[in-house]
C-alpha atoms as a PDB file:
ATOM      1  CA  MET A   1     -14.614  22.162  -2.751  1.00  0.00           C
ATOM      2  CA  LYS A   2     -11.118  21.819  -4.220  1.00  0.00           C
ATOM      3  CA  ALA A   3      -9.973  18.487  -5.633  1.00  0.00           C
ATOM      4  CA  VAL A   4      -7.692  16.811  -8.152  1.00  0.00           C
ATOM      5  CA  LEU A   5      -9.720  15.697 -11.176  1.00  0.00           C
ATOM      6  CA  LEU A   6      -8.260  13.214 -13.651  1.00  0.00           C
ATOM      7  CA  THR A   7      -9.521  12.540 -17.172  1.00  0.00           C
ATOM      8  CA  GLU A   8      -6.308  11.408 -18.900  1.00  0.00           C
ATOM      9  CA  PRO A   9      -2.725  10.352 -18.088  1.00  0.00           C
ATOM     10  CA  THR A  10      -1.165  13.195 -16.114  1.00  0.00           C
ATOM     11  CA  GLU A  11       2.398  13.943 -15.054  1.00  0.00           C
ATOM     12  CA  ALA A  12       2.776  14.979 -11.439  1.00  0.00           C
ATOM     13  CA  LYS A  13       3.980  18.458 -12.386  1.00  0.00           C
ATOM     14  CA  ASN A  14       0.726  19.042 -14.299  1.00  0.00           C
ATOM     15  CA  ILE A  15      -1.589  18.269 -11.384  1.00  0.00           C
ATOM     16  CA  VAL A  16      -3.833  21.198 -10.512  1.00  0.00           C
ATOM     17  CA  LEU A  17      -6.586  21.726  -7.955  1.00  0.00           C
ATOM     18  CA  ARG A  18     -10.024  22.439  -9.383  1.00  0.00           C
ATOM     19  CA  GLN A  19     -13.305  23.573  -7.885  1.00  0.00           C
ATOM     20  CA  CYS A  20     -15.827  20.729  -7.712  1.00  0.00           C
ATOM     21  CA  ALA A  21     -19.320  20.409  -6.337  1.00  0.00           C
ATOM     22  CA  ILE A  22     -19.642  18.826  -2.902  1.00  0.00           C
ATOM     23  CA  PRO A  23     -21.051  15.308  -3.444  1.00  0.00           C
ATOM     24  CA  GLU A  24     -24.723  14.771  -2.688  1.00  0.00           C
ATOM     25  CA  VAL A  25     -25.391  12.185  -0.030  1.00  0.00           C
ATOM     26  CA  LYS A  26     -27.590   9.235  -0.972  1.00  0.00           C
ATOM     27  CA  PRO A  27     -29.073   6.419   1.138  1.00  0.00           C
ATOM     28  CA  GLY A  28     -26.435   4.015   2.417  1.00  0.00           C
ATOM     29  CA  TRP A  29     -23.635   6.571   2.013  1.00  0.00           C
ATOM     30  CA  VAL A  30     -22.116   9.250   4.245  1.00  0.00           C
ATOM     31  CA  LEU A  31     -20.286  12.479   3.457  1.00  0.00           C
ATOM     32  CA  VAL A  32     -16.818  12.759   5.027  1.00  0.00           C
ATOM     33  CA  ARG A  33     -14.954  16.013   5.511  1.00  0.00           C
ATOM     34  CA  ILE A  34     -11.441  14.855   4.729  1.00  0.00           C
ATOM     35  CA  MET A  35      -8.706  16.016   7.080  1.00  0.00           C
ATOM     36  CA  ALA A  36      -5.743  14.045   5.735  1.00  0.00           C
ATOM     37  CA  PHE A  37      -4.873  11.238   3.348  1.00  0.00           C
ATOM     38  CA  GLY A  38      -1.853   9.212   2.270  1.00  0.00           C
ATOM     39  CA  LEU A  39      -0.401   8.800  -1.191  1.00  0.00           C
ATOM     40  CA  ASN A  40      -0.147   5.279  -2.598  1.00  0.00           C
ATOM     41  CA  HIS A  41       1.529   3.566  -5.525  1.00  0.00           C
ATOM     42  CA  SER A  42      -1.969   2.618  -6.673  1.00  0.00           C
ATOM     43  CA  GLU A  43      -2.829   6.266  -7.378  1.00  0.00           C
ATOM     44  CA  GLN A  44       0.440   6.676  -9.242  1.00  0.00           C
ATOM     45  CA  ILE A  45      -0.550   3.830 -11.571  1.00  0.00           C
ATOM     46  CA  LEU A  46      -4.012   5.349 -12.043  1.00  0.00           C
ATOM     47  CA  ARG A  47      -2.614   8.788 -12.823  1.00  0.00           C
ATOM     48  CA  GLN A  48       0.055   7.553 -15.228  1.00  0.00           C
ATOM     49  CA  SER A  49      -1.811   4.874 -17.207  1.00  0.00           C
ATOM     50  CA  GLU A  50      -4.871   3.185 -15.675  1.00  0.00           C
ATOM     51  CA  ILE A  51      -6.983   6.320 -16.138  1.00  0.00           C
ATOM     52  CA  THR A  52      -7.481   5.243 -19.775  1.00  0.00           C
ATOM     53  CA  ALA A  53      -9.178   1.974 -18.758  1.00  0.00           C
ATOM     54  CA  PRO A  54     -12.907   1.754 -19.597  1.00  0.00           C
ATOM     55  CA  TYR A  55     -13.870   0.747 -16.039  1.00  0.00           C
ATOM     56  CA  ILE A  56     -12.601   4.060 -14.611  1.00  0.00           C
ATOM     57  CA  LYS A  57     -15.493   6.490 -14.172  1.00  0.00           C
ATOM     58  CA  LYS A  58     -14.136   9.772 -15.544  1.00  0.00           C
ATOM     59  CA  PRO A  59     -13.601  12.467 -14.496  1.00  0.00           C
ATOM     60  CA  ILE A  60     -12.415  10.879 -11.258  1.00  0.00           C
ATOM     61  CA  ILE A  61     -10.992  12.223  -8.021  1.00  0.00           C
ATOM     62  CA  PRO A  62      -8.177   9.774  -7.186  1.00  0.00           C
ATOM     63  CA  GLY A  63      -7.411   8.359  -3.770  1.00  0.00           C
ATOM     64  CA  ILE A  64      -7.943   5.088  -1.910  1.00  0.00           C
ATOM     65  CA  GLU A  65      -7.706   6.180   1.730  1.00  0.00           C
ATOM     66  CA  CYS A  66      -8.615   9.069   4.001  1.00  0.00           C
ATOM     67  CA  VAL A  67      -9.206  10.138   7.582  1.00  0.00           C
ATOM     68  CA  GLY A  68     -11.748  12.758   8.528  1.00  0.00           C
ATOM     69  CA  GLU A  69     -15.054  13.384  10.215  1.00  0.00           C
ATOM     70  CA  ILE A  70     -18.672  12.813   9.278  1.00  0.00           C
ATOM     71  CA  ALA A  71     -20.208  15.894   7.653  1.00  0.00           C
ATOM     72  CA  ASP A  72     -23.554  14.278   6.748  1.00  0.00           C
ATOM     73  CA  ALA A  73     -24.517  10.967   8.344  1.00  0.00           C
ATOM     74  CA  SER A  74     -27.457  10.303   5.998  1.00  0.00           C
ATOM     75  CA  ASP A  75     -29.294   7.158   7.154  1.00  0.00           C
ATOM     76  CA  SER A  76     -26.199   5.525   8.696  1.00  0.00           C
ATOM     77  CA  HIS A  77     -25.393   4.726  12.329  1.00  0.00           C
ATOM     78  CA  PHE A  78     -22.687   7.417  12.347  1.00  0.00           C
ATOM     79  CA  SER A  79     -23.015  10.839  13.978  1.00  0.00           C
ATOM     80  CA  VAL A  80     -22.028  14.206  12.518  1.00  0.00           C
ATOM     81  CA  GLY A  81     -18.517  15.065  13.724  1.00  0.00           C
ATOM     82  CA  GLU A  82     -17.539  11.442  14.370  1.00  0.00           C
ATOM     83  CA  LYS A  83     -13.957  10.656  13.318  1.00  0.00           C
ATOM     84  CA  VAL A  84     -13.639   7.951  10.660  1.00  0.00           C
ATOM     85  CA  VAL A  85     -11.125   6.107   8.500  1.00  0.00           C
ATOM     86  CA  ALA A  86     -12.084   5.023   4.987  1.00  0.00           C
ATOM     87  CA  LEU A  87     -10.200   3.046   2.361  1.00  0.00           C
ATOM     88  CA  MET A  88     -10.553   0.969  -0.798  1.00  0.00           C
ATOM     89  CA  GLY A  89     -13.943  -0.469  -1.738  1.00  0.00           C
ATOM     90  CA  GLY A  90     -13.884   1.298  -5.108  1.00  0.00           C
ATOM     91  CA  MET A  91     -12.646   4.689  -3.897  1.00  0.00           C
ATOM     92  CA  GLY A  92     -10.863   6.671  -6.562  1.00  0.00           C
ATOM     93  CA  ARG A  93     -11.928   4.370  -9.394  1.00  0.00           C
ATOM     94  CA  SER A  94     -15.619   3.506  -9.296  1.00  0.00           C
ATOM     95  CA  PHE A  95     -16.465   6.649  -7.314  1.00  0.00           C
ATOM     96  CA  ASN A  96     -14.546   9.680  -6.116  1.00  0.00           C
ATOM     97  CA  GLY A  97     -11.954   9.136  -3.425  1.00  0.00           C
ATOM     98  CA  SER A  98      -9.528  11.318  -1.587  1.00  0.00           C
ATOM     99  CA  TYR A  99      -6.008  11.301  -1.856  1.00  0.00           C
ATOM    100  CA  ALA A 100      -4.113   1.605   2.950  1.00  0.00           C
ATOM    101  CA  THR A 101      -1.005   0.837   4.028  1.00  0.00           C
ATOM    102  CA  TYR A 102      -1.534  -1.014   7.342  1.00  0.00           C
ATOM    103  CA  PHE A 103      -4.606  -2.794   5.999  1.00  0.00           C
ATOM    104  CA  THR A 104      -2.671  -4.147   3.014  1.00  0.00           C
ATOM    105  CA  ALA A 105       0.290  -5.171   5.162  1.00  0.00           C
ATOM    106  CA  TRP A 106      -2.027  -6.805   7.700  1.00  0.00           C
ATOM    107  CA  GLY A 107      -3.949  -8.775   5.092  1.00  0.00           C
ATOM    108  CA  SER A 108      -0.785  -9.916   3.343  1.00  0.00           C
ATOM    109  CA  LEU A 109       0.918 -11.095   6.527  1.00  0.00           C
ATOM    110  CA  PHE A 110      -1.922 -12.577   8.526  1.00  0.00           C
ATOM    111  CA  GLU A 111      -4.609 -13.566   6.015  1.00  0.00           C
ATOM    112  CA  CYS A 112      -2.371 -14.791   3.199  1.00  0.00           C
ATOM    113  CA  LEU A 113       0.976 -15.741   4.742  1.00  0.00           C
ATOM    114  CA  HIS A 114      -0.519 -16.981   8.050  1.00  0.00           C
ATOM    115  CA  LEU A 115       2.432 -15.359   9.816  1.00  0.00           C
ATOM    116  CA  LYS A 116       3.623 -16.965  13.069  1.00  0.00           C
ATOM    117  CA  PRO A 117       5.969 -15.500  15.707  1.00  0.00           C
ATOM    118  CA  ASP A 118       8.721 -18.010  14.868  1.00  0.00           C
ATOM    119  CA  ASP A 119       8.653 -17.277  11.113  1.00  0.00           C
ATOM    120  CA  THR A 120      11.565 -15.835   9.162  1.00  0.00           C
ATOM    121  CA  LEU A 121      10.001 -13.348   6.765  1.00  0.00           C
ATOM    122  CA  LEU A 122      11.540 -12.066   3.532  1.00  0.00           C
ATOM    123  CA  ILE A 123      10.176  -8.709   2.332  1.00  0.00           C
ATOM    124  CA  ARG A 124      11.264  -7.939  -1.203  1.00  0.00           C
ATOM    125  CA  GLY A 125      11.069  -4.229  -2.033  1.00  0.00           C
ATOM    126  CA  ALA A 126      10.815  -3.098   1.581  1.00  0.00           C
ATOM    127  CA  THR A 127      11.759   0.590   1.339  1.00  0.00           C
ATOM    128  CA  CYS A 128       8.224   1.748   0.607  1.00  0.00           C
ATOM    129  CA  ALA A 129       5.408   2.686   2.973  1.00  0.00           C
ATOM    130  CA  LEU A 130       3.873  -0.791   2.689  1.00  0.00           C
ATOM    131  CA  GLY A 131       7.246  -2.414   3.308  1.00  0.00           C
ATOM    132  CA  TYR A 132       7.907  -0.359   6.421  1.00  0.00           C
ATOM    133  CA  ALA A 133       4.435  -1.199   7.751  1.00  0.00           C
ATOM    134  CA  ALA A 134       5.053  -4.914   7.152  1.00  0.00           C
ATOM    135  CA  ILE A 135       8.392  -4.672   8.971  1.00  0.00           C
ATOM    136  CA  GLN A 136       6.686  -3.037  11.966  1.00  0.00           C
ATOM    137  CA  LEU A 137       3.921  -5.622  12.177  1.00  0.00           C
ATOM    138  CA  ALA A 138       6.229  -8.613  11.735  1.00  0.00           C
ATOM    139  CA  LYS A 139       8.893  -7.452  14.203  1.00  0.00           C
ATOM    140  CA  ALA A 140       6.264  -6.648  16.834  1.00  0.00           C
ATOM    141  CA  PHE A 141       4.941 -10.191  16.346  1.00  0.00           C
ATOM    142  CA  GLY A 142       8.377 -11.665  17.079  1.00  0.00           C
ATOM    143  CA  CYS A 143       9.468 -12.629  13.567  1.00  0.00           C
ATOM    144  CA  LYS A 144      12.959 -12.490  12.107  1.00  0.00           C
ATOM    145  CA  VAL A 145      12.874 -10.192   9.066  1.00  0.00           C
ATOM    146  CA  LEU A 146      15.054 -10.134   5.959  1.00  0.00           C
ATOM    147  CA  ALA A 147      14.328  -7.193   3.671  1.00  0.00           C
ATOM    148  CA  THR A 148      15.629  -5.922   0.349  1.00  0.00           C
ATOM    149  CA  THR A 149      16.127  -2.621  -1.414  1.00  0.00           C
ATOM    150  CA  HIS A 150      17.610  -1.971  -4.846  1.00  0.00           C
ATOM    151  CA  ARG A 151      19.284   1.208  -3.585  1.00  0.00           C
ATOM    152  CA  GLU A 152      22.442   0.805  -1.525  1.00  0.00           C
ATOM    153  CA  SER A 153      21.815   4.240  -0.020  1.00  0.00           C
ATOM    154  CA  LYS A 154      18.678   2.891   1.683  1.00  0.00           C
ATOM    155  CA  LEU A 155      20.176  -0.139   3.421  1.00  0.00           C
ATOM    156  CA  HIS A 156      20.665   1.879   6.609  1.00  0.00           C
ATOM    157  CA  LEU A 157      16.952   2.747   6.601  1.00  0.00           C
ATOM    158  CA  LEU A 158      16.112  -0.955   6.792  1.00  0.00           C
ATOM    159  CA  GLU A 159      18.485  -1.295   9.747  1.00  0.00           C
ATOM    160  CA  GLN A 160      16.817   1.661  11.457  1.00  0.00           C
ATOM    161  CA  ALA A 161      13.424   0.038  10.873  1.00  0.00           C
ATOM    162  CA  GLY A 162      14.558  -3.057  12.791  1.00  0.00           C
ATOM    163  CA  VAL A 163      15.309  -5.437   9.920  1.00  0.00           C
ATOM    164  CA  ASP A 164      17.568  -8.311  11.010  1.00  0.00           C
ATOM    165  CA  LEU A 165      19.261  -8.698   7.622  1.00  0.00           C
ATOM    166  CA  PRO A 166      19.072  -5.858   5.074  1.00  0.00           C
ATOM    167  CA  LEU A 167      19.925  -7.024   1.549  1.00  0.00           C
ATOM    168  CA  LEU A 168      20.878  -5.160  -1.610  1.00  0.00           C
ATOM    169  CA  ASP A 169      18.673  -6.486  -4.413  1.00  0.00           C
ATOM    170  CA  THR A 170      20.539  -6.751  -7.715  1.00  0.00           C
ATOM    171  CA  GLY A 171      17.790  -8.792  -9.347  1.00  0.00           C
ATOM    172  CA  SER A 172      18.729 -12.224  -8.039  1.00  0.00           C
ATOM    173  CA  LEU A 173      18.613 -13.475  -4.450  1.00  0.00           C
ATOM    174  CA  LYS A 174      19.432 -17.105  -5.189  1.00  0.00           C
ATOM    175  CA  GLY A 175      22.166 -18.303  -2.855  1.00  0.00           C
ATOM    176  CA  LYS A 176      21.992 -15.127  -0.749  1.00  0.00           C
ATOM    177  CA  ILE A 177      19.252 -16.125   1.699  1.00  0.00           C
ATOM    178  CA  ALA A 178      18.460 -19.172   3.809  1.00  0.00           C
ATOM    179  CA  GLY A 179      15.895 -20.209   6.376  1.00  0.00           C
ATOM    180  CA  VAL A 180      13.053 -18.098   4.982  1.00  0.00           C
ATOM    181  CA  THR A 181       9.628 -19.519   5.850  1.00  0.00           C
ATOM    182  CA  LYS A 182       7.387 -16.750   4.435  1.00  0.00           C
ATOM    183  CA  ALA A 183       8.001 -14.197   1.663  1.00  0.00           C
ATOM    184  CA  LEU A 184       6.207 -10.935   0.877  1.00  0.00           C
ATOM    185  CA  GLU A 185       6.803  -9.861  -2.739  1.00  0.00           C
ATOM    186  CA  LEU A 186       6.329  -6.111  -3.201  1.00  0.00           C
ATOM    187  CA  VAL A 187       8.380  -5.611  -6.371  1.00  0.00           C
ATOM    188  CA  GLY A 188       5.898  -7.815  -8.218  1.00  0.00           C
ATOM    189  CA  PRO A 189       6.144  -9.827 -11.441  1.00  0.00           C
ATOM    190  CA  LYS A 190       9.530  -8.276 -12.238  1.00  0.00           C
ATOM    191  CA  THR A 191      11.189 -10.341  -9.482  1.00  0.00           C
ATOM    192  CA  LEU A 192       8.490 -12.881  -8.608  1.00  0.00           C
ATOM    193  CA  MET A 193      10.065 -15.769 -10.515  1.00  0.00           C
ATOM    194  CA  ASP A 194      13.403 -15.160  -8.806  1.00  0.00           C
ATOM    195  CA  THR A 195      11.689 -15.059  -5.409  1.00  0.00           C
ATOM    196  CA  LEU A 196       9.924 -18.349  -6.093  1.00  0.00           C
ATOM    197  CA  ASN A 197      13.205 -19.991  -7.064  1.00  0.00           C
ATOM    198  CA  CYS A 198      15.399 -18.687  -4.238  1.00  0.00           C
ATOM    199  CA  ILE A 199      13.363 -20.156  -1.383  1.00  0.00           C
ATOM    200  CA  GLU A 200      12.937 -23.651  -0.003  1.00  0.00           C
ATOM    201  CA  LYS A 201      10.066 -26.130  -0.071  1.00  0.00           C
ATOM    202  CA  GLY A 202       7.169 -25.315   2.215  1.00  0.00           C
ATOM    203  CA  VAL A 203       7.529 -21.541   1.899  1.00  0.00           C
ATOM    204  CA  ILE A 204       4.488 -19.361   1.148  1.00  0.00           C
ATOM    205  CA  VAL A 205       5.019 -16.381  -1.171  1.00  0.00           C
ATOM    206  CA  CYS A 206       2.466 -13.555  -1.222  1.00  0.00           C
ATOM    207  CA  GLN A 207       2.583 -11.010  -4.021  1.00  0.00           C
ATOM    208  CA  THR A 208       1.026  -7.718  -2.990  1.00  0.00           C
ATOM    209  CA  GLY A 209       2.988  -4.923  -4.662  1.00  0.00           C
ATOM    210  CA  VAL A 210       4.009  -3.999  -8.202  1.00  0.00           C
ATOM    211  CA  LEU A 211       6.846  -1.583  -7.475  1.00  0.00           C
ATOM    212  CA  GLY A 212       8.808  -2.967 -10.414  1.00  0.00           C
ATOM    213  CA  GLY A 213       6.347  -1.463 -12.876  1.00  0.00           C
ATOM    214  CA  ILE A 214       5.455  -4.817 -14.463  1.00  0.00           C
ATOM    215  CA  TYR A 215       1.897  -5.866 -13.695  1.00  0.00           C
ATOM    216  CA  SER A 216       1.581  -9.374 -15.132  1.00  0.00           C
ATOM    217  CA  LEU A 217       3.634 -12.374 -16.217  1.00  0.00           C
ATOM    218  CA  ASN A 218       3.401 -13.361 -19.861  1.00  0.00           C
ATOM    219  CA  ASN A 219       3.146 -17.094 -20.585  1.00  0.00           C
ATOM    220  CA  PHE A 220       3.067 -17.915 -16.871  1.00  0.00           C
ATOM    221  CA  ASP A 221       2.636 -21.659 -16.335  1.00  0.00           C
ATOM    222  CA  PRO A 222       1.831 -22.394 -12.678  1.00  0.00           C
ATOM    223  CA  ILE A 223       2.710 -26.080 -13.082  1.00  0.00           C
ATOM    224  CA  LYS A 224       6.208 -25.410 -14.374  1.00  0.00           C
ATOM    225  CA  ASP A 225       6.951 -21.978 -12.939  1.00  0.00           C
ATOM    226  CA  ILE A 226       6.001 -22.552  -9.295  1.00  0.00           C
ATOM    227  CA  PRO A 227       8.609 -24.916  -7.801  1.00  0.00           C
ATOM    228  CA  ASN A 228       7.295 -28.113  -6.252  1.00  0.00           C
ATOM    229  CA  GLY A 229       6.319 -27.574  -2.636  1.00  0.00           C
ATOM    230  CA  VAL A 230       6.344 -23.768  -2.855  1.00  0.00           C
ATOM    231  CA  PHE A 231       3.046 -21.921  -2.396  1.00  0.00           C
ATOM    232  CA  LEU A 232       2.015 -18.716  -4.179  1.00  0.00           C
ATOM    233  CA  THR A 233      -0.823 -16.415  -3.158  1.00  0.00           C
ATOM    234  CA  GLY A 234      -1.719 -12.750  -3.458  1.00  0.00           C
ATOM    235  CA  PHE A 235      -3.557 -10.158  -1.404  1.00  0.00           C
ATOM    236  CA  TYR A 236      -6.198  -7.933  -2.993  1.00  0.00           C
ATOM    237  CA  SER A 237      -7.175  -5.203  -0.550  1.00  0.00           C
ATOM    238  CA  ASN A 238     -10.353  -3.984  -2.198  1.00  0.00           C
ATOM    239  CA  MET A 239     -12.985  -4.745   0.437  1.00  0.00           C
ATOM    240  CA  PRO A 240     -11.870  -4.038   4.024  1.00  0.00           C
ATOM    241  CA  THR A 241     -14.295  -4.775   6.852  1.00  0.00           C
ATOM    242  CA  GLN A 242     -14.918  -3.015  10.159  1.00  0.00           C
ATOM    243  CA  ASP A 243     -13.776  -6.113  12.069  1.00  0.00           C
ATOM    244  CA  VAL A 244     -10.403  -6.141  10.301  1.00  0.00           C
ATOM    245  CA  MET A 245      -9.893  -2.418  10.880  1.00  0.00           C
ATOM    246  CA  ASP A 246     -10.710  -2.895  14.577  1.00  0.00           C
ATOM    247  CA  ASP A 247      -8.160  -5.734  14.768  1.00  0.00           C
ATOM    248  CA  ILE A 248      -5.485  -3.542  13.162  1.00  0.00           C
ATOM    249  CA  PHE A 249      -6.047  -0.632  15.552  1.00  0.00           C
ATOM    250  CA  ASP A 250      -6.047  -3.033  18.515  1.00  0.00           C
ATOM    251  CA  TYR A 251      -2.737  -4.495  17.302  1.00  0.00           C
ATOM    252  CA  LEU A 252      -1.177  -1.049  16.880  1.00  0.00           C
ATOM    253  CA  ASN A 253      -2.277  -0.079  20.392  1.00  0.00           C
ATOM    254  CA  ILE A 254      -1.092  -3.315  22.014  1.00  0.00           C
ATOM    255  CA  TYR A 255       2.383  -3.066  20.485  1.00  0.00           C
ATOM    256  CA  HIS A 256       2.550   0.754  20.662  1.00  0.00           C
ATOM    257  CA  LEU A 257       3.245   1.087  16.940  1.00  0.00           C
ATOM    258  CA  LEU A 258       3.315   4.457  15.199  1.00  0.00           C
ATOM    259  CA  PRO A 259       3.082   4.850  11.414  1.00  0.00           C
ATOM    260  CA  GLY A 260       6.303   5.585   9.563  1.00  0.00           C
ATOM    261  CA  ILE A 261       5.383   8.975   8.110  1.00  0.00           C
ATOM    262  CA  GLY A 262       8.062  10.187   5.717  1.00  0.00           C
ATOM    263  CA  LYS A 263       6.793  13.697   5.033  1.00  0.00           C
ATOM    264  CA  VAL A 264       3.623  15.765   5.428  1.00  0.00           C
ATOM    265  CA  TYR A 265       2.555  18.193   2.684  1.00  0.00           C
ATOM    266  CA  PRO A 266      -0.281  20.734   2.641  1.00  0.00           C
ATOM    267  CA  PHE A 267      -2.996  19.992   0.082  1.00  0.00           C
ATOM    268  CA  SER A 268      -1.896  23.033  -1.913  1.00  0.00           C
ATOM    269  CA  GLN A 269       1.388  21.189  -2.608  1.00  0.00           C
ATOM    270  CA  ILE A 270      -0.196  17.961  -3.883  1.00  0.00           C
ATOM    271  CA  ALA A 271       1.663  18.246  -7.207  1.00  0.00           C
ATOM    272  CA  LYS A 272       5.015  18.532  -5.412  1.00  0.00           C
ATOM    273  CA  ALA A 273       4.141  15.561  -3.207  1.00  0.00           C
ATOM    274  CA  CYS A 274       3.329  13.431  -6.262  1.00  0.00           C
ATOM    275  CA  GLU A 275       6.555  14.518  -7.967  1.00  0.00           C
ATOM    276  CA  ASP A 276       8.538  13.471  -4.896  1.00  0.00           C
ATOM    277  CA  MET A 277       6.713  10.134  -4.766  1.00  0.00           C
ATOM    278  CA  ASP A 278       7.401   9.481  -8.455  1.00  0.00           C
ATOM    279  CA  ALA A 279      11.097  10.246  -7.919  1.00  0.00           C
ATOM    280  CA  GLY A 280      11.358   8.172  -4.722  1.00  0.00           C
ATOM    281  CA  ARG A 281      12.603  11.134  -2.700  1.00  0.00           C
ATOM    282  CA  VAL A 282      10.612  10.385   0.467  1.00  0.00           C
ATOM    283  CA  ASN A 283      11.286   7.457   2.795  1.00  0.00           C
ATOM    284  CA  GLY A 284       8.062   6.321   4.428  1.00  0.00           C
ATOM    285  CA  LYS A 285       4.459   7.318   3.954  1.00  0.00           C
ATOM    286  CA  ILE A 286       3.636  10.598   2.236  1.00  0.00           C
ATOM    287  CA  VAL A 287       0.707  12.275   3.983  1.00  0.00           C
ATOM    288  CA  ILE A 288      -1.330  15.190   2.660  1.00  0.00           C
ATOM    289  CA  LYS A 289      -2.969  17.448   5.241  1.00  0.00           C
ATOM    290  CA  LEU A 290      -5.939  19.465   4.097  1.00  0.00           C
ATOM    291  CA  ASP A 291      -5.437  23.213   4.265  1.00  0.00           C
ATOM    292  CA  GLU A 292      -7.400  24.907   7.015  1.00  0.00           C
END
């Protein structure tokens, strides 16, 4: 089979497809013939820097999500030919993946932020696939949504997505927002402190993304740095369950939601797709369709 194999930090333009052996099925596992997969910021981090970490099993096929059909059911309850969705759980890091948007948005909003229909939600860094998914879920639920982008040229995309108040993010939101009851931080540590200090008491902030390229806060003191009465949590989407996936698909069906796909590329153009993702050229989810 053809796959992307990573052993060291790799620029998108240098990605090549290589011939690899089809994985052998072992007890407790199934073999999936992948039909399509989405690109994620997580794979970008892996490709650019995380690949050097000792916990990454190299060489590794990146990817944290896929859709396809069962090719070998092994000892599972699945049947050959059955359509499946797979994501996270160590894919693309501990074992080979493919190349988890709604799951991450769902967990952030409903498990961590305990979103209610009468909430006013702030999404910081919303012009990404995860941000658009969060907008969809929250608006369908009845929430008022404020959302930011650091590019003025993308404000109209937030309006098109149904955002009630699109905001241009210049690095500080203090004094620019009011009435927020929940906040989803997708830019990450780069703007987290500003987010914590621009909201009112009683607000829950959930950090899920790291779009800002900074992955931790140095000298962070939760006693001093989290304002009194403000709550900070985070969503780690590593172990999805069948029940949660069923809930998500039920929700999408009930509210007739369709994923915001920005562009579809054939697998043969995976390098081009990664280049476009790195440059921020695509609005919405980038999907790779396996060549027939």
